[in-house]
Protein backbone atom coordinates (compact mmCIF):
# COMPACT_ATOMS: atom_id res chain seq x y z
CA UNK A 1 311.98 84.64 25.47
CA UNK A 2 309.68 81.62 25.64
CA UNK A 3 306.18 81.87 24.28
CA UNK A 4 304.56 82.26 27.79
CA UNK A 5 307.40 84.64 29.15
CA UNK A 6 305.74 86.96 31.87
CA UNK A 7 302.54 84.65 32.03
CA UNK A 8 301.02 82.92 35.09
CA UNK A 9 299.29 79.54 34.33
CA UNK A 10 297.04 77.96 36.74
CA UNK A 11 296.78 74.12 36.32
CA UNK A 12 294.39 71.65 38.12
CA UNK A 13 295.18 67.89 38.29
CA UNK A 14 299.02 69.09 38.14
CA UNK A 15 300.34 66.21 40.29
CA UNK A 16 300.95 63.55 37.61
CA UNK A 17 300.50 62.89 33.93
CA UNK A 18 299.53 65.59 31.34
CA UNK A 19 299.04 68.26 34.07
CA UNK A 20 302.66 67.72 35.54
CA UNK A 21 304.19 67.60 32.08
CA UNK A 22 302.35 70.65 30.82
CA UNK A 23 303.47 72.56 33.80
CA UNK A 24 307.03 71.60 33.13
CA UNK A 25 306.63 72.63 29.39
CA UNK A 26 304.94 76.01 30.22
CA UNK A 27 307.69 76.70 32.74
CA UNK A 28 310.23 76.08 29.98
CA UNK A 29 308.56 78.45 27.70
CA UNK A 30 308.83 81.03 30.52
CA UNK A 31 305.63 80.78 32.64
CA UNK A 32 305.22 80.93 36.39
CA UNK A 33 303.17 78.11 37.62
CA UNK A 34 300.13 77.64 40.15
CA UNK A 35 299.70 73.84 40.73
CA UNK A 36 296.45 72.46 42.15
CA UNK A 37 295.80 69.05 43.17
CA UNK A 38 294.89 66.75 45.95
CA UNK A 39 298.19 65.09 46.46
CA UNK A 40 300.37 68.03 47.94
CA UNK A 41 303.58 65.61 48.10
CA UNK A 42 303.42 64.87 44.37
CA UNK A 43 302.67 68.70 43.64
CA UNK A 44 305.76 69.80 45.73
CA UNK A 45 307.86 67.16 43.64
CA UNK A 46 306.82 68.90 40.43
CA UNK A 47 307.08 72.49 41.86
CA UNK A 48 310.85 71.86 42.89
CA UNK A 49 311.79 70.88 39.42
CA UNK A 50 310.03 73.99 38.01
CA UNK A 51 311.90 76.10 40.76
CA UNK A 52 315.26 74.49 39.62
CA UNK A 53 314.59 75.78 36.35
CA UNK A 54 314.26 79.34 37.59
CA UNK A 55 310.75 79.92 37.45
CA UNK A 56 308.19 80.65 40.28
CA UNK A 57 305.65 78.11 41.49
CA UNK A 58 302.94 78.13 43.90
CA UNK A 59 301.54 74.74 45.14
CA UNK A 60 297.92 74.41 46.34
CA UNK A 61 296.11 71.51 47.67
CA UNK A 62 292.83 71.66 46.00
CA UNK A 63 289.98 69.09 45.20
CA UNK A 64 287.94 70.23 42.35
CA UNK A 65 284.81 68.24 43.54
CA UNK A 66 284.66 70.61 46.83
CA UNK A 67 282.91 73.87 46.76
CA UNK A 68 285.19 76.65 47.67
CA UNK A 69 288.41 74.93 47.14
CA UNK A 70 289.02 76.45 43.59
CA UNK A 71 288.17 79.95 44.86
CA UNK A 72 290.49 79.64 47.80
CA UNK A 73 293.17 78.38 45.25
CA UNK A 74 292.54 81.21 42.77
CA UNK A 75 292.71 83.89 45.73
CA UNK A 76 296.21 82.49 46.80
CA UNK A 77 297.45 82.89 43.19
CA UNK A 78 296.22 86.20 42.81
CA UNK A 79 297.89 87.01 46.29
CA UNK A 80 301.22 85.70 45.10
CA UNK A 81 301.19 86.59 41.49
CA UNK A 82 298.59 89.46 40.99
CA UNK A 83 297.22 88.00 37.79
CA UNK A 84 296.23 84.74 35.94
CA UNK A 85 296.80 84.44 32.15
CA UNK A 86 296.38 80.81 31.52
CA UNK A 87 294.07 78.52 33.08
CA UNK A 88 293.95 74.58 32.47
CA UNK A 89 291.23 72.73 33.57
CA UNK A 90 292.74 69.36 33.55
CA UNK A 91 291.80 67.43 36.65
CA UNK A 92 289.86 64.31 35.94
CA UNK A 93 289.61 60.43 35.88
CA UNK A 94 287.50 57.71 34.18
CA UNK A 95 284.71 55.58 35.41
CA UNK A 96 284.56 52.31 33.31
CA UNK A 97 282.33 49.19 32.96
CA UNK A 98 279.26 48.04 31.41
CA UNK A 99 275.93 50.02 32.11
CA UNK A 100 274.81 46.93 34.12
CA UNK A 101 277.44 46.79 36.66
CA UNK A 102 277.56 50.67 37.23
CA UNK A 103 275.01 52.67 39.31
CA UNK A 104 273.66 56.37 39.51
CA UNK A 105 276.40 57.10 42.09
CA UNK A 106 278.99 55.99 39.52
CA UNK A 107 277.73 58.29 36.97
CA UNK A 108 277.38 61.19 39.67
CA UNK A 109 281.08 60.72 40.78
CA UNK A 110 282.25 60.94 37.30
CA UNK A 111 280.59 63.99 36.37
CA UNK A 112 281.30 65.85 39.47
CA UNK A 113 284.91 65.68 38.83
CA UNK A 114 285.05 65.85 34.86
CA UNK A 115 282.27 68.21 34.53
CA UNK A 116 281.43 70.18 37.62
CA UNK A 117 285.10 70.50 38.53
CA UNK A 118 285.81 72.22 35.15
CA UNK A 119 282.92 74.39 35.82
CA UNK A 120 284.29 75.11 39.43
CA UNK A 121 287.67 76.11 37.80
CA UNK A 122 286.08 78.27 35.26
CA UNK A 123 283.88 80.17 37.74
CA UNK A 124 286.75 80.82 40.08
CA UNK A 125 289.09 82.15 37.64
CA UNK A 126 287.16 83.77 34.84
CA UNK A 127 287.41 87.25 36.26
CA UNK A 128 291.28 86.96 35.89
CA UNK A 129 291.17 85.66 32.62
CA UNK A 130 288.86 88.54 31.56
CA UNK A 131 291.35 91.05 32.96
CA UNK A 132 294.48 89.71 31.13
CA UNK A 133 292.46 88.55 28.07
CA UNK A 134 293.69 85.22 28.67
CA UNK A 135 293.58 81.66 27.88
CA UNK A 136 291.24 79.04 28.97
CA UNK A 137 292.07 75.47 28.21
CA UNK A 138 289.75 72.50 28.82
CA UNK A 139 291.06 68.91 28.85
CA UNK A 140 288.59 66.79 26.98
CA UNK A 141 289.27 63.38 25.27
CA UNK A 142 288.84 61.49 21.95
CA UNK A 143 286.25 59.69 24.08
CA UNK A 144 284.40 63.11 23.66
CA UNK A 145 283.87 62.31 20.05
CA UNK A 146 283.94 58.32 20.12
CA UNK A 147 282.09 56.44 22.75
CA UNK A 148 283.34 52.79 23.30
CA UNK A 149 281.63 49.90 25.17
CA UNK A 150 282.13 50.21 28.78
CA UNK A 151 283.06 53.71 28.84
CA UNK A 152 279.63 55.33 29.13
CA UNK A 153 280.42 57.59 32.12
CA UNK A 154 283.78 58.95 30.84
CA UNK A 155 282.51 59.35 27.31
CA UNK A 156 279.49 61.39 28.74
CA UNK A 157 281.54 63.52 30.72
CA UNK A 158 283.79 64.32 27.63
CA UNK A 159 281.08 64.81 25.38
CA UNK A 160 279.72 67.38 27.80
CA UNK A 161 283.11 69.45 28.19
CA UNK A 162 283.36 69.38 24.29
CA UNK A 163 279.88 71.05 24.34
CA UNK A 164 280.75 73.42 26.93
CA UNK A 165 284.01 74.52 25.26
CA UNK A 166 282.35 75.22 22.06
CA UNK A 167 279.59 77.08 23.65
CA UNK A 168 281.54 79.22 25.95
CA UNK A 169 284.13 79.78 23.14
CA UNK A 170 281.79 81.98 21.29
CA UNK A 171 280.61 83.71 24.36
CA UNK A 172 284.07 84.62 25.90
CA UNK A 173 285.44 85.80 22.30
CA UNK A 174 284.35 89.41 22.95
CA UNK A 175 286.06 89.68 26.20
CA UNK A 176 289.38 88.42 24.50
CA UNK A 177 289.51 85.23 26.34
CA UNK A 178 290.46 82.14 24.01
CA UNK A 179 288.86 78.73 24.83
CA UNK A 180 291.01 75.64 23.51
CA UNK A 181 289.92 72.27 24.05
CA UNK A 182 292.33 69.40 24.16
CA UNK A 183 291.36 66.21 22.98
CA UNK A 184 294.16 63.72 23.76
CA UNK A 185 294.01 59.95 22.58
CA UNK A 186 296.16 57.42 24.50
CA UNK A 187 299.00 59.52 26.32
CA UNK A 188 301.09 58.06 29.05
CA UNK A 189 299.29 58.90 32.46
CA UNK A 190 297.85 57.29 35.61
CA UNK A 191 294.26 57.50 34.42
CA UNK A 192 294.02 53.80 33.44
CA UNK A 193 295.30 52.78 36.86
CA UNK A 194 292.77 54.68 38.70
CA UNK A 195 289.61 52.70 39.91
CA UNK A 196 285.95 53.98 39.79
CA UNK A 197 286.30 55.57 43.32
CA UNK A 198 289.30 57.67 42.19
CA UNK A 199 291.75 55.48 43.96
CA UNK A 200 295.22 55.03 42.27
CA UNK A 201 296.07 51.56 41.93
CA UNK A 202 299.82 51.19 42.07
CA UNK A 203 299.77 47.43 41.07
CA UNK A 204 297.75 47.98 37.99
CA UNK A 205 299.69 47.51 34.70
CA UNK A 206 298.99 49.81 31.62
CA UNK A 207 296.19 48.38 29.59
CA UNK A 208 297.13 49.87 26.30
CA UNK A 209 299.86 48.59 24.06
CA UNK A 210 303.07 50.64 24.32
CA UNK A 211 303.26 51.64 20.63
CA UNK A 212 300.00 53.45 20.97
CA UNK A 213 300.77 55.60 23.96
CA UNK A 214 302.30 59.09 23.36
CA UNK A 215 304.93 60.14 26.06
CA UNK A 216 303.65 62.73 28.31
CA UNK A 217 306.49 65.45 27.38
CA UNK A 218 305.58 65.23 23.55
CA UNK A 219 301.92 65.60 24.23
CA UNK A 220 302.55 68.54 26.68
CA UNK A 221 304.72 70.28 23.74
CA UNK A 222 301.64 70.07 21.28
CA UNK A 223 299.43 71.31 23.81
CA UNK A 224 301.59 74.25 24.81
CA UNK A 225 301.56 74.97 20.98
CA UNK A 226 298.03 74.97 20.57
CA UNK A 227 297.32 77.18 23.66
CA UNK A 228 299.84 79.72 22.43
CA UNK A 229 298.10 79.85 19.20
CA UNK A 230 294.77 80.10 20.91
CA UNK A 231 293.54 77.12 18.73
CA UNK A 232 289.86 76.08 19.15
CA UNK A 233 290.84 72.41 19.57
CA UNK A 234 293.80 70.23 19.34
CA UNK A 235 293.73 66.53 19.00
CA UNK A 236 296.56 64.85 20.57
CA UNK A 237 298.09 61.64 19.07
CA UNK A 238 297.93 60.44 15.56
CA UNK A 239 295.44 57.57 16.11
CA UNK A 240 293.18 60.10 18.04
CA UNK A 241 293.16 62.39 14.67
CA UNK A 242 292.47 59.30 12.49
CA UNK A 243 289.54 58.17 14.64
CA UNK A 244 287.81 61.46 14.97
CA UNK A 245 288.26 62.11 11.14
CA UNK A 246 286.35 58.70 10.67
CA UNK A 247 283.78 59.50 13.28
CA UNK A 248 283.08 62.95 11.51
CA UNK A 249 282.99 61.47 7.78
CA UNK A 250 282.34 57.85 7.85
CA UNK A 251 280.96 57.00 11.39
CA UNK A 252 279.51 53.59 10.10
CA UNK A 253 283.19 52.45 8.92
CA UNK A 254 284.52 53.30 12.43
CA UNK A 255 281.59 51.42 14.05
CA UNK A 256 282.12 48.38 11.74
CA UNK A 257 285.85 48.52 12.44
CA UNK A 258 285.31 48.39 16.16
CA UNK A 259 283.09 45.46 15.90
CA UNK A 260 285.49 43.77 13.67
CA UNK A 261 288.54 44.43 16.05
CA UNK A 262 286.31 43.07 18.89
CA UNK A 263 286.63 46.38 20.96
CA UNK A 264 285.12 45.34 24.33
CA UNK A 265 284.22 46.79 27.69
CA UNK A 266 287.19 48.11 29.82
CA UNK A 267 287.88 46.40 33.09
CA UNK A 268 287.94 48.57 36.22
CA UNK A 269 291.49 48.99 37.66
CA UNK A 270 291.94 46.74 40.57
CA UNK A 271 289.31 44.13 39.56
């Protein structure tokens, strides 16, 4: 018996990266899955793997920035499975660049996906979680604790969802719904190969040294444990935990180290 036997998990942004790896891990632990994302072909590939393991899987084409898409996806999930026990608001991407090169439209685009996309997911599925006394999972980031040059849109969005998770964690507790914020550091994913318009750049190379990047399968195992235990927050990767520890207790030291290391603005993928 796995930790999620008999459970149904709904994951946005499940076509790649952490979302896809977490879908596989929850299936391994006994869950049936609802996979939602824009890229239907990618979802179907992940779903085929899950179904081969003996778990049921529903695939729904869904864009978290479009009003009504999440409600439609949740309705299909109810029709197929009858209940939802775990909801993972994972869909997101990163807008990067120095302030002078960005526009209000860039910031709006970032917040529409990473903040309002999370809210759309919550509003569409919260009645189900209240019925099942289930688990809500919000994907944040170490960037929701520490802002670096050239990351202001992304950091703003992740600071926002950290505040959201903390606030609604208190609100939903009486209904038996746990809220877990996942704050990854560098995990293998496509996020650093997506440009500011949300377009995947196949030709782009990984910009982070390989020794700093945690494999998605390992990250998914840690995330699944945190969800099962209804933890308030889980920071994924050792470097992420160290950075947040420094930010909490000696922020001046972290700021000095960043300047000393010459941390500079990230380049937008494709440029």
